[in-house]
């Protein structure tokens, strides 16, 4: 791991720390990564393949974000039934009826909102689709992946910082061979350091590779992916004292996008403010020409066409 730290410092060629981060930098233990400079030096796809993530500024215009908030207010916050809310696995509210925080914010967020077929949420779903399938998102995906048409494999709308523990997305949705699906994190409002922006750890795909072959005991479990994910997390914790020093994050502005691949270690920085909200969208994408899978191997899904450029996973 010590060699990894040195390699990272050499690759990024980072100088002294700065105490006044600008919009075009991400902060880490060895200083600021100025993305305009590094993207131009490596090229977006090369940078993404080398570090496992990339930061894009001002991707989503204000109008579709404002429309989403209008629909959120009209349809989601007034919804009379139970919503499919997102909570962390350890949150005791998981599976509880729709509820709000003391600040009046929908607790946690919404899980798979793009898949809703409830007519009472139709306007909200359409506004969400306008962002998740925005032409600028398509441009980023084509730039880092090289594919032409993509399936939206998963969506989450966060209303708060979930304070996510370090993990990778490959256990929930990926390609096979693994490592070629993409998670796009879209800021729907400004996210300063105090609100706990997402972080990434720019390390090699093989840094923490684990073998869950056909003879591994997890294959006999009722939910092999969930058990394997837990074992992977335990492995991360063993390395965490050194890995956490490699975290990079950026204060984000409304409309900014952070993208990482399915094997990039990531999570949420701690929030330094109580209550409030942190609205964002997280969507996972796969080039439809690639076999769908998870960390454990290939699988099958059903997708339906959204438009000429996007499909959406139904199951």
Protein backbone atom coordinates (compact mmCIF):
# COMPACT_ATOMS: atom_id res chain seq x y z
CA UNK A 1 0.00 0.00 0.00
CA UNK A 2 2.91 2.36 0.63
CA UNK A 3 3.94 1.87 -2.98
CA UNK A 4 0.42 2.79 -4.04
CA UNK A 5 0.61 6.12 -2.20
CA UNK A 6 3.89 6.98 -3.90
CA UNK A 7 2.55 5.98 -7.30
CA UNK A 8 -0.55 8.11 -6.80
CA UNK A 9 1.53 11.14 -5.87
CA UNK A 10 3.76 10.70 -8.92
CA UNK A 11 0.84 10.13 -11.27
CA UNK A 12 -1.02 13.22 -10.12
CA UNK A 13 2.14 15.32 -9.73
CA UNK A 14 0.52 17.16 -6.87
CA UNK A 15 2.19 20.00 -5.05
CA UNK A 16 1.49 21.65 -1.70
CA UNK A 17 -1.92 21.73 -0.11
CA UNK A 18 -4.15 24.71 -0.70
CA UNK A 19 -6.45 26.19 1.91
CA UNK A 20 -8.79 27.86 -0.57
CA UNK A 21 -10.23 25.20 -2.93
CA UNK A 22 -11.73 26.56 -6.12
CA UNK A 23 -14.56 25.12 -8.18
CA UNK A 24 -12.15 23.32 -10.50
CA UNK A 25 -10.26 21.33 -7.89
CA UNK A 26 -10.73 18.25 -5.77
CA UNK A 27 -8.97 18.14 -2.45
CA UNK A 28 -6.94 15.26 -1.12
CA UNK A 29 -4.11 14.57 1.33
CA UNK A 30 -1.43 15.56 -1.17
CA UNK A 31 -2.99 18.77 -2.41
CA UNK A 32 -5.39 19.84 -5.13
CA UNK A 33 -6.14 18.03 -8.37
CA UNK A 34 -6.95 20.69 -10.96
CA UNK A 35 -9.15 18.74 -13.30
CA UNK A 36 -9.10 21.03 -16.30
CA UNK A 37 -5.32 20.66 -16.36
CA UNK A 38 -5.29 16.92 -15.84
CA UNK A 39 -8.14 16.14 -18.21
CA UNK A 40 -6.33 18.08 -20.93
CA UNK A 41 -3.05 16.36 -20.08
CA UNK A 42 -4.37 12.80 -20.15
CA UNK A 43 -7.58 13.15 -22.13
CA UNK A 44 -10.87 12.33 -20.38
CA UNK A 45 -10.92 8.60 -21.17
CA UNK A 46 -7.28 8.04 -20.26
CA UNK A 47 -7.69 9.99 -17.02
CA UNK A 48 -10.82 8.03 -16.17
CA UNK A 49 -9.19 4.66 -16.86
CA UNK A 50 -6.10 5.61 -14.87
CA UNK A 51 -7.81 7.02 -11.78
CA UNK A 52 -11.31 5.52 -11.91
CA UNK A 53 -13.20 8.81 -11.78
CA UNK A 54 -13.58 12.23 -13.39
CA UNK A 55 -15.20 15.52 -12.42
CA UNK A 56 -17.27 17.62 -14.83
CA UNK A 57 -18.52 21.10 -14.02
CA UNK A 58 -21.85 22.68 -15.02
CA UNK A 59 -23.20 19.60 -16.79
CA UNK A 60 -26.91 19.95 -16.03
CA UNK A 61 -28.49 23.37 -16.72
CA UNK A 62 -30.64 25.08 -14.11
CA UNK A 63 -33.98 24.65 -15.92
CA UNK A 64 -34.35 20.83 -15.68
CA UNK A 65 -33.18 20.90 -12.05
CA UNK A 66 -35.75 23.57 -11.20
CA UNK A 67 -38.43 21.53 -12.96
CA UNK A 68 -37.50 18.46 -10.93
CA UNK A 69 -37.82 20.42 -7.69
CA UNK A 70 -41.25 21.71 -8.74
CA UNK A 71 -42.42 18.16 -9.41
CA UNK A 72 -40.82 16.94 -6.21
CA UNK A 73 -42.80 19.51 -4.26
CA UNK A 74 -46.08 18.89 -6.08
CA UNK A 75 -46.04 15.11 -6.39
CA UNK A 76 -43.57 13.52 -3.97
CA UNK A 77 -43.96 15.74 -0.91
CA UNK A 78 -47.76 15.54 -1.19
CA UNK A 79 -47.88 11.83 -2.04
CA UNK A 80 -50.60 10.16 0.07
CA UNK A 81 -49.19 6.63 0.12
CA UNK A 82 -45.94 4.92 1.05
CA UNK A 83 -42.92 5.83 -1.00
CA UNK A 84 -39.97 3.58 -1.75
CA UNK A 85 -37.52 5.49 0.38
CA UNK A 86 -33.79 4.91 0.50
CA UNK A 87 -32.05 4.27 3.78
CA UNK A 88 -28.71 2.72 4.59
CA UNK A 89 -28.82 -0.98 5.46
CA UNK A 90 -28.19 -0.23 9.12
CA UNK A 91 -30.81 2.53 9.37
CA UNK A 92 -33.67 1.39 11.65
CA UNK A 93 -36.09 3.36 9.48
CA UNK A 94 -35.49 1.06 6.49
CA UNK A 95 -38.81 -0.21 5.26
CA UNK A 96 -40.74 2.25 7.41
CA UNK A 97 -43.67 4.25 6.01
CA UNK A 98 -42.97 7.55 4.29
CA UNK A 99 -41.70 10.06 6.81
CA UNK A 100 -40.02 13.44 7.00
CA UNK A 101 -37.20 14.82 9.06
CA UNK A 102 -37.65 17.52 11.67
CA UNK A 103 -36.62 20.00 8.97
CA UNK A 104 -39.47 18.80 6.72
CA UNK A 105 -37.16 16.97 4.32
CA UNK A 106 -38.16 13.59 2.92
CA UNK A 107 -35.99 11.24 5.00
CA UNK A 108 -33.15 9.53 3.16
CA UNK A 109 -34.32 9.76 -0.43
CA UNK A 110 -35.99 7.62 -3.07
CA UNK A 111 -34.84 4.23 -4.31
CA UNK A 112 -35.30 3.44 -8.01
CA UNK A 113 -37.64 6.42 -8.59
CA UNK A 114 -37.12 6.26 -12.36
CA UNK A 115 -38.81 2.84 -12.38
CA UNK A 116 -42.04 4.09 -10.84
CA UNK A 117 -45.19 3.48 -12.91
CA UNK A 118 -47.48 5.32 -10.48
CA UNK A 119 -49.45 7.91 -12.46
CA UNK A 120 -49.48 10.20 -9.43
CA UNK A 121 -45.68 10.52 -9.82
CA UNK A 122 -45.62 10.71 -13.63
CA UNK A 123 -44.51 14.34 -13.85
CA UNK A 124 -41.76 13.79 -11.30
CA UNK A 125 -40.50 10.68 -13.11
CA UNK A 126 -40.45 12.54 -16.42
CA UNK A 127 -38.50 15.44 -14.88
CA UNK A 128 -36.05 12.96 -13.36
CA UNK A 129 -35.65 11.23 -16.73
CA UNK A 130 -34.85 14.58 -18.37
CA UNK A 131 -31.81 14.83 -16.08
CA UNK A 132 -30.69 11.21 -15.97
CA UNK A 133 -30.95 10.93 -19.77
CA UNK A 134 -29.75 14.46 -20.52
CA UNK A 135 -27.64 14.87 -23.69
CA UNK A 136 -24.73 16.16 -21.59
CA UNK A 137 -24.77 12.96 -19.51
CA UNK A 138 -24.75 10.97 -22.74
CA UNK A 139 -21.74 12.95 -23.91
CA UNK A 140 -19.81 12.16 -20.72
CA UNK A 141 -20.65 8.46 -20.93
CA UNK A 142 -19.52 8.27 -24.53
CA UNK A 143 -16.36 10.14 -23.64
CA UNK A 144 -15.27 7.86 -20.79
CA UNK A 145 -16.70 4.57 -22.07
CA UNK A 146 -16.58 4.73 -25.85
CA UNK A 147 -20.04 3.18 -26.21
CA UNK A 148 -23.01 4.77 -27.98
CA UNK A 149 -26.17 3.59 -26.20
CA UNK A 150 -26.59 3.03 -22.47
CA UNK A 151 -28.96 1.37 -20.04
CA UNK A 152 -29.84 3.12 -16.78
CA UNK A 153 -29.35 0.23 -14.36
CA UNK A 154 -30.19 1.95 -11.08
CA UNK A 155 -31.30 5.35 -9.77
CA UNK A 156 -31.28 6.91 -6.32
CA UNK A 157 -32.47 10.39 -5.39
CA UNK A 158 -30.80 11.52 -2.19
CA UNK A 159 -32.42 14.22 -0.08
CA UNK A 160 -29.75 13.99 2.63
CA UNK A 161 -26.16 12.90 3.04
CA UNK A 162 -26.48 9.14 3.67
CA UNK A 163 -22.97 9.12 5.19
CA UNK A 164 -22.22 6.07 3.06
CA UNK A 165 -19.43 3.76 4.19
CA UNK A 166 -16.62 2.98 1.70
CA UNK A 167 -17.75 0.49 -0.92
CA UNK A 168 -17.83 -0.32 -4.61
CA UNK A 169 -20.95 -0.53 -6.80
CA UNK A 170 -20.02 -3.74 -8.59
CA UNK A 171 -21.97 -5.95 -6.18
CA UNK A 172 -25.28 -4.29 -7.07
CA UNK A 173 -24.84 -3.57 -10.79
CA UNK A 174 -21.94 -4.02 -13.19
CA UNK A 175 -20.86 -5.51 -16.49
CA UNK A 176 -19.20 -8.83 -17.17
CA UNK A 177 -16.26 -8.83 -17.28
CA UNK A 178 -16.61 -6.57 -14.28
CA UNK A 179 -15.52 -2.96 -13.99
CA UNK A 180 -17.13 -1.31 -17.02
CA UNK A 181 -20.33 0.19 -15.65
CA UNK A 182 -20.42 3.82 -14.54
CA UNK A 183 -21.96 5.68 -11.63
CA UNK A 184 -22.93 9.30 -12.26
CA UNK A 185 -23.45 11.51 -9.19
CA UNK A 186 -25.34 14.73 -10.02
CA UNK A 187 -25.45 17.67 -7.61
CA UNK A 188 -28.95 19.20 -7.57
CA UNK A 189 -27.76 22.00 -5.28
CA UNK A 190 -24.44 23.36 -4.05
CA UNK A 191 -22.66 20.82 -1.84
CA UNK A 192 -19.97 22.47 0.31
CA UNK A 193 -17.49 20.49 2.34
CA UNK A 194 -19.64 20.93 5.45
CA UNK A 195 -22.55 19.06 3.82
CA UNK A 196 -20.44 15.96 3.15
CA UNK A 197 -19.79 15.60 -0.59
CA UNK A 198 -19.00 12.19 -2.06
CA UNK A 199 -15.38 11.07 -2.13
CA UNK A 200 -13.49 8.65 -4.36
CA UNK A 201 -10.25 6.76 -3.84
CA UNK A 202 -8.31 6.81 -7.12
CA UNK A 203 -6.67 3.40 -7.06
CA UNK A 204 -6.17 0.56 -9.52
CA UNK A 205 -9.11 -1.75 -10.27
CA UNK A 206 -7.03 -4.65 -8.99
CA UNK A 207 -5.89 -3.03 -5.74
CA UNK A 208 -8.46 -4.86 -3.60
CA UNK A 209 -9.56 -7.60 -5.97
CA UNK A 210 -11.12 -10.62 -4.24
CA UNK A 211 -11.73 -14.08 -5.65
CA UNK A 212 -15.29 -15.38 -5.21
CA UNK A 213 -14.95 -18.34 -7.57
CA UNK A 214 -17.54 -21.05 -8.09
CA UNK A 215 -16.22 -23.04 -5.12
CA UNK A 216 -16.28 -20.11 -2.70
CA UNK A 217 -18.67 -20.56 0.27
CA UNK A 218 -20.62 -17.39 -0.63
CA UNK A 219 -22.02 -19.23 -3.64
CA UNK A 220 -24.09 -21.37 -1.27
CA UNK A 221 -25.65 -18.38 0.49
CA UNK A 222 -29.22 -17.26 -0.10
CA UNK A 223 -27.96 -13.87 -1.35
CA UNK A 224 -24.37 -14.47 -2.54
CA UNK A 225 -23.85 -10.86 -3.71
CA UNK A 226 -24.86 -9.41 -0.34
CA UNK A 227 -22.56 -11.76 1.57
CA UNK A 228 -19.67 -11.13 -0.84
CA UNK A 229 -20.25 -7.39 -0.51
CA UNK A 230 -19.97 -7.68 3.29
CA UNK A 231 -16.74 -9.66 3.00
CA UNK A 232 -15.35 -7.06 0.61
CA UNK A 233 -16.26 -4.31 3.07
CA UNK A 234 -14.47 -6.17 5.86
CA UNK A 235 -11.41 -6.33 3.62
CA UNK A 236 -11.68 -2.59 3.02
CA UNK A 237 -11.74 -1.98 6.75
CA UNK A 238 -8.49 -3.90 7.14
CA UNK A 239 -6.83 -1.44 4.74
CA UNK A 240 -8.84 1.62 5.74
CA UNK A 241 -6.24 3.45 7.81
CA UNK A 242 -4.12 3.82 4.67
CA UNK A 243 -6.92 3.95 2.10
CA UNK A 244 -8.72 6.83 3.83
CA UNK A 245 -5.65 9.00 3.32
CA UNK A 246 -6.23 8.72 -0.44
CA UNK A 247 -9.76 10.13 -0.45
CA UNK A 248 -10.46 12.90 -2.92
CA UNK A 249 -13.53 15.08 -2.84
CA UNK A 250 -14.65 18.39 -4.28
CA UNK A 251 -17.06 21.05 -3.07
CA UNK A 252 -19.72 20.81 -5.79
CA UNK A 253 -22.02 23.33 -7.43
CA UNK A 254 -25.53 22.71 -8.69
CA UNK A 255 -25.31 20.84 -12.00
CA UNK A 256 -21.83 19.40 -11.45
CA UNK A 257 -21.22 15.71 -12.10
CA UNK A 258 -18.79 13.26 -10.51
CA UNK A 259 -18.47 9.95 -12.36
CA UNK A 260 -16.68 6.77 -11.27
CA UNK A 261 -16.59 3.17 -12.47
CA UNK A 262 -18.04 0.16 -10.69
CA UNK A 263 -14.75 -0.83 -9.01
CA UNK A 264 -13.88 2.62 -7.69
CA UNK A 265 -13.94 2.78 -3.89
CA UNK A 266 -16.16 5.67 -2.78
CA UNK A 267 -18.40 6.93 0.01
CA UNK A 268 -19.62 10.13 1.65
CA UNK A 269 -17.51 12.59 3.61
CA UNK A 270 -18.82 13.27 7.11
CA UNK A 271 -21.19 16.19 7.34
CA UNK A 272 -20.28 19.00 9.71
CA UNK A 273 -23.75 20.50 9.87
CA UNK A 274 -26.84 19.11 11.56
CA UNK A 275 -30.08 18.48 9.74
CA UNK A 276 -30.83 20.20 6.46
CA UNK A 277 -30.70 18.58 3.05
CA UNK A 278 -28.30 17.55 0.31
CA UNK A 279 -30.23 16.88 -2.89
CA UNK A 280 -28.50 14.76 -5.50
CA UNK A 281 -29.08 11.99 -8.03
CA UNK A 282 -27.01 8.86 -8.38
CA UNK A 283 -27.49 6.78 -11.52
CA UNK A 284 -25.66 3.66 -12.72
CA UNK A 285 -25.17 3.14 -16.46
CA UNK A 286 -24.07 0.27 -18.70
CA UNK A 287 -23.20 0.23 -22.39
CA UNK A 288 -25.92 -2.08 -23.76
CA UNK A 289 -23.32 -3.85 -25.89
CA UNK A 290 -21.65 -5.14 -22.70
CA UNK A 291 -22.89 -8.20 -20.84
CA UNK A 292 -24.74 -7.27 -17.65
CA UNK A 293 -23.35 -8.70 -14.44
CA UNK A 294 -22.23 -8.12 -10.88
CA UNK A 295 -18.91 -8.64 -9.12
CA UNK A 296 -19.72 -12.36 -8.94
CA UNK A 297 -20.41 -12.98 -12.61
CA UNK A 298 -22.79 -12.50 -15.54
CA UNK A 299 -26.55 -12.26 -15.10
CA UNK A 300 -29.64 -11.37 -17.13
CA UNK A 301 -31.95 -8.37 -16.96
CA UNK A 302 -34.88 -6.88 -18.82
CA UNK A 303 -34.51 -3.41 -20.29
CA UNK A 304 -36.91 -1.14 -22.16
CA UNK A 305 -36.22 1.67 -24.60
CA UNK A 306 -36.36 5.26 -23.37
CA UNK A 307 -35.14 6.97 -26.57
CA UNK A 308 -32.50 6.48 -29.27
CA UNK A 309 -29.66 6.75 -26.74
CA UNK A 310 -30.96 5.28 -23.47
CA UNK A 311 -32.68 2.18 -22.17
CA UNK A 312 -33.88 1.54 -18.63
CA UNK A 313 -33.54 -1.61 -16.55
CA UNK A 314 -36.87 -3.03 -15.44
CA UNK A 315 -35.64 -6.04 -13.46
